[in-house]
Protein backbone atom coordinates (compact mmCIF):
# COMPACT_ATOMS: atom_id res chain seq x y z
CA UNK A 1 97.23 98.23 87.13
CA UNK A 2 94.67 98.65 89.91
CA UNK A 3 95.80 102.09 90.86
CA UNK A 4 95.53 103.55 87.40
CA UNK A 5 92.48 105.68 86.78
CA UNK A 6 91.70 106.68 83.18
CA UNK A 7 89.21 109.29 82.06
CA UNK A 8 88.39 110.82 78.70
CA UNK A 9 90.95 110.91 75.96
CA UNK A 10 91.59 113.90 73.64
CA UNK A 11 91.40 113.33 69.97
CA UNK A 12 94.22 114.45 67.77
CA UNK A 13 94.05 114.82 63.88
CA UNK A 14 97.26 113.52 62.12
CA UNK A 15 99.05 116.20 60.28
CA UNK A 16 101.98 116.61 58.04
CA UNK A 17 104.89 119.00 58.74
CA UNK A 18 103.08 121.92 57.06
CA UNK A 19 100.10 121.42 59.31
CA UNK A 20 97.76 119.84 56.64
CA UNK A 21 95.54 116.91 57.58
CA UNK A 22 95.55 113.66 55.49
CA UNK A 23 92.16 114.58 54.21
CA UNK A 24 93.50 117.95 52.92
CA UNK A 25 96.44 116.24 51.17
CA UNK A 26 94.18 113.66 49.41
CA UNK A 27 91.87 116.46 48.32
CA UNK A 28 94.89 118.41 46.82
CA UNK A 29 96.09 115.36 44.95
CA UNK A 30 92.63 114.84 43.55
CA UNK A 31 92.42 118.39 42.33
CA UNK A 32 95.84 118.07 40.61
CA UNK A 33 94.66 114.95 38.77
CA UNK A 34 91.44 116.67 37.57
CA UNK A 35 93.40 119.57 36.27
CA UNK A 36 95.71 117.39 34.22
CA UNK A 37 92.85 115.48 32.61
CA UNK A 38 90.96 118.61 31.60
CA UNK A 39 94.04 120.22 29.91
CA UNK A 40 93.68 120.27 26.14
CA UNK A 41 96.88 121.83 25.02
CA UNK A 42 99.55 119.15 24.35
CA UNK A 43 102.54 121.19 25.45
CA UNK A 44 100.91 122.23 28.57
CA UNK A 45 99.76 118.70 29.20
CA UNK A 46 103.26 117.41 28.90
CA UNK A 47 104.62 120.06 31.32
CA UNK A 48 101.92 119.24 33.89
CA UNK A 49 102.56 115.51 33.36
CA UNK A 50 106.25 116.09 33.88
CA UNK A 51 105.63 118.10 36.96
CA UNK A 52 103.26 115.49 38.35
CA UNK A 53 105.86 112.75 37.78
CA UNK A 54 108.40 114.82 39.66
CA UNK A 55 106.02 115.15 42.59
CA UNK A 56 105.34 111.42 42.64
CA UNK A 57 108.98 110.62 42.12
CA UNK A 58 109.89 112.89 45.05
CA UNK A 59 107.21 111.36 47.27
CA UNK A 60 108.48 107.92 46.37
CA UNK A 61 112.11 108.88 47.25
CA UNK A 62 111.12 110.81 50.36
CA UNK A 63 112.32 109.04 53.46
CA UNK A 64 109.67 107.74 55.80
CA UNK A 65 109.78 108.47 59.59
CA UNK A 66 110.63 104.85 60.36
CA UNK A 67 113.44 104.87 57.75
CA UNK A 68 114.78 108.14 59.22
CA UNK A 69 114.78 106.69 62.75
CA UNK A 70 116.59 103.61 61.45
CA UNK A 71 119.16 105.65 59.61
CA UNK A 72 119.92 107.93 62.68
CA UNK A 73 120.13 104.89 64.92
CA UNK A 74 122.71 103.27 62.69
CA UNK A 75 124.68 106.58 62.55
CA UNK A 76 124.55 106.92 66.32
CA UNK A 77 125.70 103.31 66.82
CA UNK A 78 128.61 103.78 64.44
CA UNK A 79 129.63 106.94 66.37
CA UNK A 80 129.57 105.05 69.68
CA UNK A 81 131.62 102.31 68.14
CA UNK A 82 134.24 104.55 66.79
CA UNK A 83 134.50 106.25 70.14
CA UNK A 84 134.75 103.03 72.20
CA UNK A 85 137.00 101.27 69.63
CA UNK A 86 139.77 103.74 70.61
CA UNK A 87 139.60 102.47 74.21
CA UNK A 88 138.80 98.85 73.80
CA UNK A 89 141.02 96.16 72.16
CA UNK A 90 138.89 93.02 71.60
CA UNK A 91 135.49 92.81 69.85
CA UNK A 92 133.71 91.28 72.91
CA UNK A 93 134.77 94.13 75.22
CA UNK A 94 133.79 96.72 72.57
CA UNK A 95 130.19 95.25 72.36
CA UNK A 96 129.74 95.50 76.21
CA UNK A 97 131.14 99.07 76.16
CA UNK A 98 128.68 100.17 73.45
CA UNK A 99 125.75 98.44 75.23
CA UNK A 100 126.73 100.22 78.52
CA UNK A 101 126.87 103.58 76.74
CA UNK A 102 123.44 102.98 75.16
CA UNK A 103 121.92 102.14 78.47
CA UNK A 104 123.50 105.12 80.14
CA UNK A 105 122.22 107.55 77.42
CA UNK A 106 118.72 106.08 77.43
CA UNK A 107 118.50 106.40 81.17
CA UNK A 108 119.76 109.99 81.06
CA UNK A 109 117.26 111.06 78.41
CA UNK A 110 114.42 109.37 80.28
CA UNK A 111 115.39 111.15 83.48
CA UNK A 112 116.15 107.91 85.33
CA UNK A 113 119.92 108.31 85.61
CA UNK A 114 120.92 108.52 89.23
CA UNK A 115 124.24 110.17 90.14
CA UNK A 116 125.86 108.92 93.32
CA UNK A 117 126.68 112.09 95.38
CA UNK A 118 125.54 111.39 98.91
CA UNK A 119 128.81 109.75 99.95
CA UNK A 120 130.68 112.87 98.80
CA UNK A 121 128.70 115.20 101.19
CA UNK A 122 129.99 116.19 104.61
CA UNK A 123 128.42 117.22 107.92
CA UNK A 124 128.77 120.87 108.33
CA UNK A 125 129.94 122.34 111.66
CA UNK A 126 127.49 124.77 113.33
CA UNK A 127 129.96 127.62 112.70
CA UNK A 128 129.83 126.91 108.98
CA UNK A 129 126.08 127.53 108.67
CA UNK A 130 125.03 130.86 107.37
CA UNK A 131 121.99 132.21 109.23
CA UNK A 132 119.77 134.97 107.85
CA UNK A 133 117.19 137.05 109.69
CA UNK A 134 114.78 139.54 108.08
CA UNK A 135 111.24 138.30 108.53
CA UNK A 136 109.15 139.27 111.56
CA UNK A 137 107.19 136.07 111.49
CA UNK A 138 107.80 132.40 110.64
CA UNK A 139 109.45 131.73 107.17
CA UNK A 140 107.04 129.46 105.28
CA UNK A 141 108.82 128.85 101.89
CA UNK A 142 112.15 129.19 100.13
CA UNK A 143 113.34 128.84 96.51
CA UNK A 144 116.75 129.23 94.85
CA UNK A 145 117.30 131.05 91.43
CA UNK A 146 118.38 128.73 88.62
CA UNK A 147 121.92 130.23 88.71
CA UNK A 148 122.29 129.60 92.52
CA UNK A 149 122.97 133.31 93.14
CA UNK A 150 119.72 134.39 94.71
CA UNK A 151 117.27 133.02 97.26
CA UNK A 152 113.72 134.06 97.64
CA UNK A 153 111.87 133.69 101.00
CA UNK A 154 108.28 134.10 102.04
CA UNK A 155 106.70 134.43 105.50
CA UNK A 156 103.62 134.78 107.59
CA UNK A 157 104.41 138.43 107.73
CA UNK A 158 103.09 138.60 104.03
CA UNK A 159 106.56 139.70 102.73
CA UNK A 160 108.64 138.15 99.99
CA UNK A 161 112.38 138.91 100.21
CA UNK A 162 115.14 138.45 97.69
CA UNK A 163 118.55 137.77 99.03
CA UNK A 164 121.94 137.93 97.36
CA UNK A 165 123.84 134.67 98.39
CA UNK A 166 127.32 136.21 97.55
CA UNK A 167 126.95 139.35 99.67
CA UNK A 168 124.46 137.96 102.12
CA UNK A 169 122.32 141.13 101.76
CA UNK A 170 118.67 141.45 101.22
CA UNK A 171 118.22 143.13 97.80
CA UNK A 172 114.43 143.57 97.45
CA UNK A 173 111.34 143.22 99.58
CA UNK A 174 107.81 142.72 98.28
CA UNK A 175 105.90 144.18 101.12
CA UNK A 176 102.73 142.74 102.37
CA UNK A 177 99.59 144.66 103.27
CA UNK A 178 96.81 144.50 105.76
CA UNK A 179 94.08 141.88 105.48
CA UNK A 180 91.09 143.25 103.55
CA UNK A 181 93.06 145.55 101.37
CA UNK A 182 93.46 142.95 98.52
CA UNK A 183 91.79 145.32 95.97
CA UNK A 184 94.16 148.22 96.59
CA UNK A 185 97.38 146.62 97.84
CA UNK A 186 99.64 145.03 95.13
CA UNK A 187 101.38 142.70 97.52
CA UNK A 188 100.06 139.80 99.66
CA UNK A 189 97.69 140.57 102.40
CA UNK A 190 97.77 137.30 104.17
CA UNK A 191 100.18 134.51 105.09
CA UNK A 192 102.22 133.32 102.10
CA UNK A 193 102.34 129.47 102.11
CA UNK A 194 104.32 128.48 99.01
CA UNK A 195 106.83 129.63 96.37
CA UNK A 196 108.02 128.39 93.00
CA UNK A 197 110.47 129.82 90.33
CA UNK A 198 110.45 128.87 86.67
CA UNK A 199 113.59 127.01 85.50
CA UNK A 200 114.53 129.92 83.26
CA UNK A 201 114.28 132.40 86.21
CA UNK A 202 111.60 134.56 84.56
CA UNK A 203 108.65 134.07 86.88
CA UNK A 204 108.21 133.73 90.61
CA UNK A 205 104.93 132.43 91.76
CA UNK A 206 103.49 132.64 95.41
CA UNK A 207 100.38 131.21 96.89
CA UNK A 208 98.74 132.59 100.01
CA UNK A 209 95.81 132.17 102.58
CA UNK A 210 93.70 134.50 100.40
CA UNK A 211 93.20 131.71 97.86
CA UNK A 212 95.35 133.61 95.35
CA UNK A 213 98.48 133.01 93.32
CA UNK A 214 100.56 136.16 92.39
CA UNK A 215 103.26 136.22 89.75
CA UNK A 216 106.30 138.37 90.25
CA UNK A 217 109.35 139.17 88.15
CA UNK A 218 112.42 137.71 89.99
CA UNK A 219 114.75 140.33 88.53
CA UNK A 220 113.20 143.49 90.04
CA UNK A 221 110.36 141.90 92.08
CA UNK A 222 107.71 143.81 90.05
CA UNK A 223 104.12 142.53 89.93
CA UNK A 224 103.02 140.64 86.84
CA UNK A 225 99.56 139.05 87.36
CA UNK A 226 97.10 137.57 89.79
CA UNK A 227 95.48 134.24 89.41
CA UNK A 228 92.14 133.59 91.04
CA UNK A 229 90.18 130.40 91.15
CA UNK A 230 90.97 128.33 94.19
CA UNK A 231 88.39 128.26 96.86
CA UNK A 232 90.78 127.66 99.73
CA UNK A 233 94.39 128.51 100.78
CA UNK A 234 96.98 127.83 98.05
CA UNK A 235 99.31 125.24 99.76
CA UNK A 236 101.65 124.45 96.87
CA UNK A 237 102.84 125.77 93.48
CA UNK A 238 105.31 124.17 91.02
CA UNK A 239 106.52 125.11 87.53
CA UNK A 240 106.98 122.22 85.09
CA UNK A 241 110.70 122.32 84.16
CA UNK A 242 111.61 123.90 80.90
CA UNK A 243 108.12 125.52 80.52
CA UNK A 244 105.88 128.24 81.85
CA UNK A 245 103.22 125.81 82.84
CA UNK A 246 102.27 126.33 86.54
CA UNK A 247 100.65 123.64 88.80
CA UNK A 248 98.97 124.74 92.02
CA UNK A 249 97.21 122.79 94.83
CA UNK A 250 94.92 123.99 97.65
CA UNK A 251 93.06 123.24 100.67
CA UNK A 252 89.94 123.14 98.40
CA UNK A 253 91.05 119.56 97.43
CA UNK A 254 91.90 120.37 93.79
CA UNK A 255 94.84 120.93 91.49
CA UNK A 256 94.71 123.71 88.85
CA UNK A 257 96.84 124.13 85.78
CA UNK A 258 97.75 127.55 84.55
CA UNK A 259 99.51 128.97 81.40
CA UNK A 260 101.79 131.81 82.60
CA UNK A 261 102.62 132.73 78.96
CA UNK A 262 98.98 133.35 78.31
CA UNK A 263 98.26 134.47 81.89
CA UNK A 264 95.29 132.06 81.69
CA UNK A 265 93.64 129.24 83.60
CA UNK A 266 93.80 125.84 81.79
CA UNK A 267 92.00 123.18 83.78
CA UNK A 268 91.09 121.75 87.17
CA UNK A 269 91.93 118.21 88.40
CA UNK A 270 89.84 116.50 90.90
CA UNK A 271 90.64 113.37 92.97
CA UNK A 272 91.73 114.14 96.54
CA UNK A 273 89.23 113.85 99.39
CA UNK A 274 91.00 116.18 101.86
CA UNK A 275 93.05 119.34 101.68
CA UNK A 276 96.23 118.94 99.55
CA UNK A 277 99.39 119.63 101.39
CA UNK A 278 102.16 119.69 98.72
CA UNK A 279 102.98 119.43 94.98
CA UNK A 280 106.06 118.92 92.77
CA UNK A 281 106.82 118.41 89.09
CA UNK A 282 109.69 117.66 86.65
CA UNK A 283 109.92 117.72 82.95
CA UNK A 284 106.99 115.49 81.98
CA UNK A 285 103.58 116.88 81.74
CA UNK A 286 102.79 115.55 85.13
CA UNK A 287 102.30 116.90 88.66
CA UNK A 288 102.52 114.87 91.96
CA UNK A 289 100.53 115.88 95.15
CA UNK A 290 100.42 114.78 98.67
CA UNK A 291 96.82 114.40 99.86
CA UNK A 292 97.28 114.94 103.65
CA UNK A 293 94.62 113.21 105.64
CA UNK A 294 93.46 111.00 102.79
CA UNK A 295 96.77 109.29 103.13
CA UNK A 296 97.44 109.26 99.35
CA UNK A 297 99.64 110.49 96.72
CA UNK A 298 98.29 111.34 93.24
CA UNK A 299 100.33 111.57 90.02
CA UNK A 300 98.32 113.67 87.50
CA UNK A 301 99.05 112.63 83.90
CA UNK A 302 97.85 115.91 82.26
CA UNK A 303 97.95 114.88 78.63
CA UNK A 304 96.29 111.61 79.14
CA UNK A 305 93.59 112.98 81.43
CA UNK A 306 94.41 110.28 83.97
CA UNK A 307 95.98 109.76 87.37
CA UNK A 308 97.91 107.25 89.44
CA UNK A 309 96.97 106.67 93.08
CA UNK A 310 99.41 105.61 95.84
CA UNK A 311 98.49 104.45 99.36
CA UNK A 312 100.27 102.77 102.11
CA UNK A 313 101.17 105.34 104.80
CA UNK A 314 99.55 105.13 108.33
CA UNK A 315 99.77 108.87 108.74
CA UNK A 316 98.76 111.97 106.96
CA UNK A 317 101.16 112.56 104.01
CA UNK A 318 102.35 116.12 104.48
CA UNK A 319 105.11 116.73 101.83
CA UNK A 320 106.28 115.14 98.67
CA UNK A 321 109.41 115.56 96.43
CA UNK A 322 110.18 113.96 93.09
CA UNK A 323 113.73 112.32 92.89
CA UNK A 324 113.32 111.45 89.26
CA UNK A 325 110.54 110.72 86.88
CA UNK A 326 110.17 107.24 88.42
CA UNK A 327 110.73 107.69 92.10
CA UNK A 328 109.53 110.10 94.83
CA UNK A 329 110.03 110.83 98.53
CA UNK A 330 107.35 111.66 101.18
CA UNK A 331 107.11 112.66 104.72
CA UNK A 332 104.14 112.04 107.04
CA UNK A 333 102.75 113.37 110.29
CA UNK A 334 103.45 110.04 112.09
CA UNK A 335 107.20 110.85 111.90
CA UNK A 336 107.89 108.54 108.89
CA UNK A 337 109.65 108.89 105.55
CA UNK A 338 108.89 106.78 102.43
CA UNK A 339 110.44 106.12 99.16
CA UNK A 340 108.21 105.14 96.28
CA UNK A 341 108.25 103.95 92.62
CA UNK A 342 105.56 104.96 90.16
CA UNK A 343 105.21 101.26 89.34
CA UNK A 344 104.12 100.26 92.92
CA UNK A 345 101.10 101.68 94.73
CA UNK A 346 102.83 101.13 98.10
CA UNK A 347 106.09 102.43 99.49
CA UNK A 348 109.30 100.61 98.50
CA UNK A 349 110.61 101.34 101.94
CA UNK A 350 109.50 103.34 105.01
CA UNK A 351 111.55 104.66 107.80
CA UNK A 352 109.53 104.88 111.13
CA UNK A 353 110.43 107.37 113.80
CA UNK A 354 112.74 109.20 111.30
CA UNK A 355 113.04 112.40 113.37
CA UNK A 356 113.79 110.78 116.65
CA UNK A 357 112.30 109.98 120.14
CA UNK A 358 112.14 111.92 123.45
CA UNK A 359 112.90 109.73 126.38
CA UNK A 360 111.55 106.70 124.52
CA UNK A 361 108.16 108.46 123.75
CA UNK A 362 107.30 109.35 120.06
CA UNK A 363 106.89 113.22 119.94
CA UNK A 364 104.61 114.90 117.49
CA UNK A 365 107.62 115.32 115.20
CA UNK A 366 105.63 115.18 112.08
CA UNK A 367 107.72 115.66 108.85
CA UNK A 368 107.02 119.25 107.72
CA UNK A 369 109.25 119.35 104.64
CA UNK A 370 111.31 117.10 102.30
CA UNK A 371 113.62 117.80 99.40
CA UNK A 372 115.51 115.84 96.82
CA UNK A 373 118.63 116.68 94.88
CA UNK A 374 117.05 115.55 91.63
CA UNK A 375 118.50 112.63 89.71
CA UNK A 376 120.85 111.83 92.52
CA UNK A 377 120.70 109.52 95.60
CA UNK A 378 120.61 112.45 98.02
CA UNK A 379 117.38 113.59 100.00
CA UNK A 380 116.66 115.74 102.97
CA UNK A 381 113.88 116.04 105.62
CA UNK A 382 112.85 118.47 108.32
CA UNK A 383 110.65 118.48 111.32
CA UNK A 384 110.63 120.36 114.59
CA UNK A 385 112.94 118.01 116.53
CA UNK A 386 115.88 120.44 116.14
CA UNK A 387 117.69 118.77 113.23
CA UNK A 388 117.74 118.75 109.39
CA UNK A 389 118.42 115.28 108.30
CA UNK A 390 120.14 113.93 105.22
CA UNK A 391 119.59 110.52 103.75
CA UNK A 392 121.01 108.37 100.98
CA UNK A 393 118.80 106.30 98.67
CA UNK A 394 119.97 102.87 97.59
CA UNK A 395 120.31 102.46 93.80
CA UNK A 396 117.02 100.29 93.77
CA UNK A 397 115.31 102.74 96.13
CA UNK A 398 114.46 100.00 98.47
CA UNK A 399 116.39 101.37 101.47
CA UNK A 400 117.04 104.78 102.98
CA UNK A 401 120.17 105.28 105.00
CA UNK A 402 120.78 108.26 107.36
CA UNK A 403 123.91 110.26 106.52
CA UNK A 404 124.08 113.00 109.06
CA UNK A 405 121.99 115.54 110.84
CA UNK A 406 122.51 119.41 111.13
CA UNK A 407 121.29 121.14 114.33
CA UNK A 408 118.64 123.74 113.46
CA UNK A 409 116.14 124.84 116.11
CA UNK A 410 112.56 125.52 114.93
CA UNK A 411 110.03 124.17 112.46
CA UNK A 412 111.74 123.37 109.12
CA UNK A 413 108.93 124.64 106.84
CA UNK A 414 110.72 124.32 103.54
CA UNK A 415 113.95 122.77 102.13
CA UNK A 416 115.63 123.24 98.80
CA UNK A 417 118.90 121.98 97.29
CA UNK A 418 120.92 124.21 95.10
CA UNK A 419 120.99 123.29 91.41
CA UNK A 420 124.69 122.60 91.61
CA UNK A 421 124.27 120.41 94.71
CA UNK A 422 126.71 122.37 96.75
CA UNK A 423 124.35 123.58 99.51
CA UNK A 424 120.97 123.18 101.14
CA UNK A 425 118.67 125.99 102.26
CA UNK A 426 116.15 125.76 105.05
CA UNK A 427 113.23 127.96 105.91
CA UNK A 428 112.89 128.06 109.77
CA UNK A 429 110.02 129.35 111.96
CA UNK A 430 108.69 129.33 115.45
CA UNK A 431 105.48 127.74 114.00
CA UNK A 432 104.36 125.38 111.35
CA UNK A 433 103.70 127.09 107.94
CA UNK A 434 100.12 125.89 107.85
CA UNK A 435 98.91 126.68 111.45
CA UNK A 436 99.73 127.55 115.03
CA UNK A 437 99.41 124.19 116.76
CA UNK A 438 102.68 124.57 118.54
CA UNK A 439 105.02 127.52 119.16
CA UNK A 440 108.73 127.07 119.87
CA UNK A 441 109.71 130.18 121.78
CA UNK A 442 113.43 129.51 121.84
CA UNK A 443 113.52 129.22 118.03
CA UNK A 444 114.15 132.20 115.80
CA UNK A 445 112.53 132.96 112.43
CA UNK A 446 114.87 133.03 109.39
CA UNK A 447 116.61 130.89 106.97
CA UNK A 448 119.88 128.96 106.84
CA UNK A 449 122.41 127.93 104.21
CA UNK A 450 123.95 124.46 105.00
CA UNK A 451 127.11 123.68 102.88
CA UNK A 452 127.28 120.08 101.64
CA UNK A 453 130.70 119.97 100.13
CA UNK A 454 134.23 120.69 101.46
CA UNK A 455 135.36 124.11 100.45
CA UNK A 456 131.87 125.68 100.65
CA UNK A 457 132.20 126.94 104.21
CA UNK A 458 131.75 130.74 104.63
CA UNK A 459 130.21 131.15 101.21
């Protein structure tokens, strides 16, 4: 396709299960043959010959990879047929049921299965919202622990706070320091712009205006390591799910890859022409970034050393969230929201004026944050118009339908769905996380828990 850019390819040497290359195996076989031919003793020769015959016999009997896949596929089909045969009477219905199960399992494994949950969500009343204060300046980022028990927030006051959702209390605070004390102060000394937590809950990453990423232990909020390398403010961080690979983006227009296990830098990815504003990732070895003023989205295919480019928005693309491995959701500064497919370089659908008008005049309600409840049809967006808005994606991702809106006054700087899909959290500030273009004096800095399902009020 025209939007596919390919660079160098890495070379791999084919190896067997024991780590030996084909060349080494051939060399070993050759050595075995030479040894048999040079043996003069008859008994020893017979023993070696028998041993060699056993080796060759076992090699001939050994199942190839293709045969193994075929055998496992047949076993899996038989199992499905047995399960469905108990429910279905005639053969024609049985075939349809097995085909449906296969399609479902393939989609689930590929990360393309979409659960329909949007219609089950309800609009919370203002009294059902849980509001938390604790930061002196605007809250810029928010993440939820994998078990949905804790929330971590960051702010322009340079502090990171750990909150207990059950008790509503602040458990820990990683205190910030004064600017210029980076070499002596263990915490952040400038505005923190982004947060990410690993899927196993072992690492918390925070990027700041000092061009640094700091790693923390989410359990006790102790310091682990500091990553240097960006030449501009770190605007986004994201862990690849199921791993400790960390992706980061910056105002220096590049994406960097880090190995948290090794506490090491891996590589730098180039492609954007303007400061990068957001980043996200799922299970594949890929990262997706919003390019801001270059009006593009890039998907970085790390293993293939290539990238996919997407254009089509009239405004600066400020934030991005992956819905699944094939679709994603973006917000722009022209007050528009878009749904995309990795197979199309332009949006599948765009909602203009998504966050409202004021007396018929389009305000500067640029979209400051988006979130997706991954592998479902539910997404959310935030601006400064006074509402968090929830949307339903159609099954083909060609339409975006508004569900309801929650009144929240202030800049919605970050949104995150809980892993169980029962609530949404929003980081709120009097200012935008990246600057001070506006200040909403009647707003209050803090964060809010928005229940999405009946029975979650007051939690």
